[in-house]
N, C-alpha and C. Protein backbone atom coordinates (compact mmCIF):
# COMPACT_ATOMS: atom_id res chain seq x y z
N UNK A 1 74.71 94.57 136.25
CA UNK A 1 73.88 94.65 134.92
C UNK A 1 74.67 93.74 133.77
N UNK A 2 73.81 92.70 132.95
CA UNK A 2 74.29 92.37 131.89
C UNK A 2 73.71 92.00 131.01
N UNK A 3 74.59 92.49 129.44
CA UNK A 3 73.94 92.86 128.13
C UNK A 3 74.21 91.24 127.33
N UNK A 4 73.20 91.57 127.02
CA UNK A 4 73.11 90.16 125.78
C UNK A 4 74.15 90.03 124.79
N UNK A 5 74.73 89.30 124.10
CA UNK A 5 76.37 89.17 123.09
C UNK A 5 75.38 89.82 122.03
N UNK A 6 73.97 89.16 121.51
CA UNK A 6 73.70 89.91 120.32
C UNK A 6 73.60 91.51 120.38
N UNK A 7 73.11 92.36 121.70
CA UNK A 7 73.30 93.55 121.88
C UNK A 7 74.83 94.01 121.93
N UNK A 8 75.92 93.66 121.97
CA UNK A 8 77.19 94.30 121.73
C UNK A 8 77.51 94.18 120.60
N UNK A 9 76.58 92.77 119.83
CA UNK A 9 77.71 92.91 118.50
C UNK A 9 76.92 94.54 117.51
N UNK A 10 75.78 93.80 118.00
CA UNK A 10 74.81 94.90 117.09
C UNK A 10 75.47 96.51 117.58
N UNK A 11 75.77 96.84 118.63
CA UNK A 11 76.31 98.25 119.06
C UNK A 11 77.04 98.48 118.06
N UNK A 12 78.26 97.69 118.25
CA UNK A 12 80.04 97.18 117.38
C UNK A 12 79.20 97.23 115.90
N UNK A 13 78.76 96.84 115.15
CA UNK A 13 78.29 96.94 114.38
C UNK A 13 77.51 98.47 113.60
N UNK A 14 76.59 98.65 114.57
CA UNK A 14 75.82 100.33 114.55
C UNK A 14 77.54 101.46 114.00
N UNK A 15 78.15 100.97 115.43
CA UNK A 15 79.59 102.19 115.04
C UNK A 15 79.96 102.03 114.47
N UNK A 16 80.73 100.58 113.89
CA UNK A 16 81.13 100.51 112.32
C UNK A 16 80.62 101.16 111.26
N UNK A 17 79.44 101.66 110.94
CA UNK A 17 78.83 101.95 110.16
C UNK A 17 78.85 103.23 109.89
N UNK A 18 78.47 103.53 111.34
CA UNK A 18 78.72 104.85 111.21
C UNK A 18 79.95 105.54 111.20
N UNK A 19 80.89 105.06 111.49
CA UNK A 19 82.31 105.65 111.45
C UNK A 19 82.90 105.90 109.48
N UNK A 20 82.33 104.44 109.47
CA UNK A 20 82.89 104.13 107.78
C UNK A 20 81.89 104.98 106.98
N UNK A 21 80.86 105.06 107.02
CA UNK A 21 80.02 106.08 106.55
C UNK A 21 80.29 107.68 106.38
N UNK A 22 81.26 108.11 107.77
CA UNK A 22 81.84 109.68 107.80
C UNK A 22 82.98 109.66 106.83
N UNK A 23 83.80 108.85 106.56
CA UNK A 23 84.57 109.05 105.52
C UNK A 23 85.22 107.64 104.81
N UNK A 24 85.80 108.44 103.37
CA UNK A 24 85.79 107.11 102.75
C UNK A 24 86.88 106.52 103.18
N UNK A 25 87.41 104.91 102.70
CA UNK A 25 88.11 104.23 102.94
C UNK A 25 89.80 104.77 102.50
N UNK A 26 89.41 104.81 100.97
CA UNK A 26 90.34 104.96 100.03
C UNK A 26 89.82 107.14 99.60
N UNK A 27 91.02 107.34 99.81
CA UNK A 27 90.89 108.97 98.63
C UNK A 27 91.17 107.96 97.11
N UNK A 28 89.68 108.22 96.18
CA UNK A 28 90.27 107.61 94.65
C UNK A 28 91.16 108.56 94.12
N UNK A 29 92.42 108.34 93.42
CA UNK A 29 93.46 109.23 92.75
C UNK A 29 93.48 109.31 91.63
N UNK A 30 93.70 110.41 90.71
CA UNK A 30 93.31 110.35 89.35
C UNK A 30 94.54 109.46 88.68
N UNK A 31 94.18 108.85 87.57
CA UNK A 31 94.82 107.93 86.60
C UNK A 31 95.98 109.30 86.27
N UNK A 32 97.02 108.33 86.52
CA UNK A 32 97.94 109.94 85.70
C UNK A 32 98.96 108.58 85.18
N UNK A 33 99.50 108.65 84.07
CA UNK A 33 98.79 109.73 83.01
C UNK A 33 97.54 109.54 82.81
N UNK A 34 96.66 110.82 82.14
CA UNK A 34 95.09 110.41 81.95
C UNK A 34 94.97 109.65 80.51
N UNK A 35 94.04 109.22 80.55
CA UNK A 35 94.38 107.61 79.09
C UNK A 35 93.71 109.08 78.04
N UNK A 36 94.35 108.77 76.79
CA UNK A 36 94.43 109.68 76.25
C UNK A 36 94.54 111.74 75.94
N UNK A 37 95.48 112.12 77.35
CA UNK A 37 95.56 112.80 76.97
C UNK A 37 97.15 113.15 77.24
N UNK A 38 97.42 114.43 76.81
CA UNK A 38 98.73 115.02 77.49
C UNK A 38 98.71 115.59 78.80
N UNK A 39 99.75 114.41 79.61
CA UNK A 39 99.30 115.04 80.98
C UNK A 39 100.26 115.76 81.48
N UNK A 40 100.45 116.66 82.24
CA UNK A 40 101.80 117.16 83.03
C UNK A 40 101.20 116.72 84.83
N UNK A 41 101.91 115.71 85.36
CA UNK A 41 102.19 115.74 86.74
C UNK A 41 102.91 116.52 87.61
N UNK A 42 102.43 116.90 88.56
CA UNK A 42 103.75 117.53 89.32
C UNK A 42 103.54 116.60 91.06
N UNK A 43 105.09 116.13 91.09
CA UNK A 43 104.90 115.38 92.36
C UNK A 43 105.30 116.20 93.56
N UNK A 44 105.21 117.01 94.12
CA UNK A 44 105.35 117.98 95.57
C UNK A 44 104.90 117.28 96.57
N UNK A 45 104.71 118.44 98.07
CA UNK A 45 104.24 117.96 98.62
C UNK A 45 103.54 119.73 99.05
N UNK A 46 102.23 119.56 99.98
CA UNK A 46 101.51 120.73 99.83
C UNK A 46 102.00 122.13 100.71
N UNK A 47 103.17 121.37 101.79
CA UNK A 47 104.30 122.07 102.75
C UNK A 47 105.60 122.19 102.15
N UNK A 48 106.30 121.51 101.27
CA UNK A 48 107.19 122.25 100.29
C UNK A 48 107.33 123.45 99.85
N UNK A 49 108.18 124.46 100.07
CA UNK A 49 108.69 125.98 99.62
C UNK A 49 108.51 125.83 98.01
N UNK A 50 109.09 125.36 97.64
CA UNK A 50 108.73 125.28 95.57
C UNK A 50 107.42 124.94 95.09
N UNK A 51 106.84 123.84 96.11
CA UNK A 51 105.95 123.47 95.85
C UNK A 51 104.35 124.31 96.14
N UNK A 52 104.75 124.91 96.97
CA UNK A 52 103.66 126.46 97.48
C UNK A 52 104.05 127.19 96.32
N UNK A 53 104.75 127.53 96.01
CA UNK A 53 105.25 128.39 94.99
C UNK A 53 104.57 127.88 93.51
N UNK A 54 104.58 126.95 93.40
CA UNK A 54 103.63 126.10 91.91
C UNK A 54 102.36 126.11 92.01
N UNK A 55 101.43 125.88 93.51
CA UNK A 55 100.40 125.93 93.71
C UNK A 55 99.28 127.03 92.81
N UNK A 56 99.28 127.80 92.87
CA UNK A 56 98.39 128.79 92.17
C UNK A 56 98.69 128.68 90.52
N UNK A 57 100.09 128.38 90.50
CA UNK A 57 100.27 128.39 88.69
C UNK A 57 99.95 126.82 88.31
N UNK A 58 99.47 126.29 88.57
CA UNK A 58 99.16 124.41 88.51
C UNK A 58 97.68 124.87 88.62
N UNK A 59 97.04 125.45 89.65
CA UNK A 59 95.51 125.75 89.54
C UNK A 59 95.11 126.46 88.01
N UNK A 60 96.12 127.72 88.29
CA UNK A 60 95.50 128.49 86.74
C UNK A 60 95.70 127.32 85.33
N UNK A 61 96.70 126.95 85.46
CA UNK A 61 97.00 125.62 84.08
C UNK A 61 95.61 125.04 84.22
N UNK A 62 95.51 124.29 85.22
CA UNK A 62 94.47 123.10 85.07
C UNK A 62 93.07 124.13 85.00
N UNK A 63 92.80 125.06 84.94
CA UNK A 63 91.84 125.53 84.47
C UNK A 63 91.75 125.89 82.83
N UNK A 64 93.08 126.59 82.21
CA UNK A 64 92.82 127.31 81.34
C UNK A 64 93.37 126.08 80.65
N UNK A 65 93.53 125.07 81.01
CA UNK A 65 93.57 123.68 80.14
C UNK A 65 92.66 122.30 80.01
N UNK A 66 91.46 123.15 80.80
CA UNK A 66 90.50 121.59 80.63
C UNK A 66 90.39 121.36 79.97
N UNK A 67 90.01 120.02 79.14
CA UNK A 67 89.78 119.16 77.75
C UNK A 67 90.78 119.49 76.93
N UNK A 68 92.06 120.52 77.27
CA UNK A 68 93.07 119.88 76.00
C UNK A 68 94.58 119.06 76.43
N UNK A 69 94.77 119.31 77.85
CA UNK A 69 95.60 118.69 79.00
C UNK A 69 95.19 118.82 80.62
N UNK A 70 95.91 117.93 81.07
CA UNK A 70 95.58 117.26 82.45
C UNK A 70 97.25 117.77 82.93
N UNK A 71 96.55 118.63 84.32
CA UNK A 71 97.66 119.25 84.47
C UNK A 71 97.32 118.82 86.40
N UNK A 72 98.02 117.82 86.45
CA UNK A 72 97.98 116.80 87.84
C UNK A 72 98.80 117.40 89.06
N UNK A 73 98.01 117.40 90.11
CA UNK A 73 99.05 117.33 91.20
C UNK A 73 99.07 116.45 92.07
N UNK A 74 100.43 115.60 93.07
CA UNK A 74 100.54 114.78 94.06
C UNK A 74 100.49 114.65 94.91
N UNK A 75 100.53 114.51 96.13
CA UNK A 75 101.16 115.16 97.31
C UNK A 75 102.01 113.63 97.82
N UNK A 76 103.20 113.81 97.44
CA UNK A 76 104.26 112.65 98.02
C UNK A 76 104.30 112.00 99.42
N UNK A 77 104.22 113.42 99.84
CA UNK A 77 104.50 113.00 101.52
C UNK A 77 103.40 112.63 101.96
N UNK A 78 102.23 113.03 101.35
CA UNK A 78 100.59 112.36 101.71
C UNK A 78 100.79 110.59 101.46
N UNK A 79 101.32 110.73 100.18
CA UNK A 79 101.10 109.63 100.05
C UNK A 79 102.52 109.36 99.27
N UNK A 80 103.40 108.30 99.44
CA UNK A 80 104.56 108.26 98.99
C UNK A 80 104.61 107.16 97.83
N UNK A 81 103.13 106.25 97.34
CA UNK A 81 103.29 105.20 96.57
C UNK A 81 103.58 106.22 94.82
N UNK A 82 103.07 107.37 94.78
CA UNK A 82 103.61 107.77 93.31
C UNK A 82 104.76 108.26 93.49
N UNK A 83 106.08 108.75 94.14
CA UNK A 83 107.04 109.13 94.32
C UNK A 83 107.94 107.49 94.35
N UNK A 84 107.69 106.60 94.43
CA UNK A 84 108.57 105.19 94.35
C UNK A 84 107.55 104.79 92.75
N UNK A 85 106.83 104.67 92.17
CA UNK A 85 106.32 104.38 90.66
C UNK A 85 106.93 105.48 90.04
N UNK A 86 106.97 106.55 90.07
CA UNK A 86 107.53 107.60 88.83
C UNK A 86 109.16 107.81 89.51
N UNK A 87 109.91 107.12 90.14
CA UNK A 87 111.17 107.50 90.48
C UNK A 87 111.43 108.73 90.96
N UNK A 88 111.16 109.21 91.85
CA UNK A 88 111.46 110.56 92.00
C UNK A 88 112.96 110.50 92.62
N UNK A 89 113.65 111.93 92.67
CA UNK A 89 114.78 111.85 93.89
C UNK A 89 114.38 113.41 93.89
N UNK A 90 113.37 114.23 94.07
CA UNK A 90 113.17 115.51 94.82
C UNK A 90 112.26 115.82 94.18
N UNK A 91 111.80 116.55 95.07
CA UNK A 91 110.54 117.63 95.22
C UNK A 91 110.32 119.18 94.98
N UNK A 92 109.89 119.48 94.31
CA UNK A 92 108.88 119.27 93.26
C UNK A 92 109.73 118.54 92.14
N UNK A 93 108.76 117.23 91.08
CA UNK A 93 109.12 116.43 90.17
C UNK A 93 108.27 117.07 89.37
N UNK A 94 108.15 117.82 87.71
CA UNK A 94 107.16 117.16 87.06
C UNK A 94 107.59 116.68 85.99
N UNK A 95 106.30 116.00 85.65
CA UNK A 95 106.67 114.86 84.74
C UNK A 95 105.67 114.94 83.45
N UNK A 96 105.60 115.43 82.12
CA UNK A 96 105.17 115.41 81.13
C UNK A 96 104.51 113.82 79.98
N UNK A 97 103.87 113.92 79.96
CA UNK A 97 103.58 112.45 78.96
C UNK A 97 102.93 112.68 78.07
N UNK A 98 103.12 112.18 76.86
CA UNK A 98 101.80 112.06 75.84
C UNK A 98 100.95 111.39 76.07
N UNK A 99 99.55 111.81 74.69
CA UNK A 99 98.33 111.08 74.23
C UNK A 99 98.65 109.30 74.61
N UNK A 100 99.62 109.25 74.87
CA UNK A 100 100.02 107.27 74.83
C UNK A 100 100.41 106.81 75.83
N UNK A 101 100.39 107.78 76.90
CA UNK A 101 101.32 107.87 78.45
C UNK A 101 102.79 107.40 78.31
N UNK A 102 102.91 108.26 77.01
CA UNK A 102 104.54 108.05 77.61
C UNK A 102 105.79 109.01 77.49
N UNK A 103 106.46 109.47 78.53
CA UNK A 103 107.03 109.99 79.36
C UNK A 103 108.16 110.54 78.46
N UNK A 104 107.96 112.08 78.44
CA UNK A 104 108.46 112.77 76.75
C UNK A 104 110.10 113.96 77.83
N UNK A 105 108.93 114.63 79.06
CA UNK A 105 110.05 115.57 79.69
C UNK A 105 109.85 115.51 80.97
N UNK A 106 110.61 115.75 81.72
CA UNK A 106 110.99 115.50 83.57
C UNK A 106 111.77 116.48 83.53
N UNK A 107 111.68 117.12 85.07
CA UNK A 107 112.16 118.27 85.94
C UNK A 107 111.82 118.22 86.55
N UNK A 108 113.61 118.68 87.29
CA UNK A 108 113.42 118.48 89.01
C UNK A 108 113.38 119.59 89.20
N UNK A 109 112.55 120.51 90.99
CA UNK A 109 112.22 121.51 90.89
C UNK A 109 111.67 122.84 90.88
N UNK A 110 111.42 124.26 90.86
CA UNK A 110 110.48 124.65 90.95
C UNK A 110 110.70 125.02 89.35
N UNK A 111 109.20 125.25 88.89
CA UNK A 111 109.00 125.41 87.06
C UNK A 111 108.37 126.18 86.80
N UNK A 112 108.37 127.40 86.07
CA UNK A 112 107.62 128.69 85.88
C UNK A 112 106.00 127.79 85.06
N UNK A 113 105.51 128.76 84.58
CA UNK A 113 104.33 128.71 83.91
C UNK A 113 104.49 128.85 82.88
N UNK A 114 106.02 130.03 82.21
CA UNK A 114 106.17 129.82 81.21
C UNK A 114 106.45 128.70 80.38
N UNK A 115 107.54 128.04 81.14
CA UNK A 115 107.87 126.71 81.01
C UNK A 115 107.09 125.61 80.69
N UNK A 116 105.86 125.63 81.62
CA UNK A 116 104.90 124.62 81.46
C UNK A 116 104.10 124.47 80.13
N UNK A 117 104.13 125.89 79.96
CA UNK A 117 103.29 126.29 78.87
C UNK A 117 103.89 126.04 77.55
N UNK A 118 105.17 126.21 78.21
CA UNK A 118 106.28 126.16 76.35
C UNK A 118 106.53 124.82 76.25
N UNK A 119 106.32 123.92 77.60
CA UNK A 119 106.61 122.12 77.37
C UNK A 119 105.27 121.53 76.50
N UNK A 120 104.38 122.24 76.84
CA UNK A 120 102.60 121.74 76.44
C UNK A 120 102.66 122.26 74.76
N UNK A 121 103.24 123.25 75.05
CA UNK A 121 102.69 123.87 73.21
C UNK A 121 103.85 122.79 72.44
N UNK A 122 105.50 122.15 72.70
CA UNK A 122 106.03 122.16 72.26
C UNK A 122 105.18 119.95 72.22
N UNK A 123 104.25 119.50 72.59
CA UNK A 123 104.13 118.34 72.55
C UNK A 123 102.59 118.71 71.95
N UNK A 124 102.21 119.80 71.26
CA UNK A 124 101.30 119.78 70.15
C UNK A 124 99.92 120.62 71.09
N UNK A 125 99.85 120.69 72.33
CA UNK A 125 98.70 121.44 72.86
C UNK A 125 98.41 122.85 72.75
N UNK A 126 97.27 123.49 72.40
CA UNK A 126 97.42 124.79 71.90
C UNK A 126 96.62 125.56 72.84
C-alpha cells in the first residue's frame, strides 16, 4: 500500500499539533525578584529534606503576605538556571530583595517561620 507524501506530511503535522497542545513547551517561571515588591526567594528542591520542612512554612507565608511581599520557591534540581543566576552553593538558600530588586539578606539552610517574618519586618513589611 502506497501513501502519498501529502498524507504523510499532514499526519505528522496533526500529530505534532496534538502533542504540542497537550503541554506547554516552557513553564513560565515567576519574575524574581518581583517588580516593586519585597521578595523572598527560596532556592531548593522538592526532594531535599530541609526544603520539604520549609514547604508548608512558605505556603503559609505566601498566603499571609499576598499583596505585601512575594514568597517564591524555585526548584533548582528541576531547573538549575536560577542556582547559577543567584550563585547559590547549598540548598535551601533564601534570598531577600527590597522593592528595588536589591539583595538585602541571604541565608543557607533551613530558615524558620519566625526568622522569615523577622527579616520581612526588618525590611518594612507589616
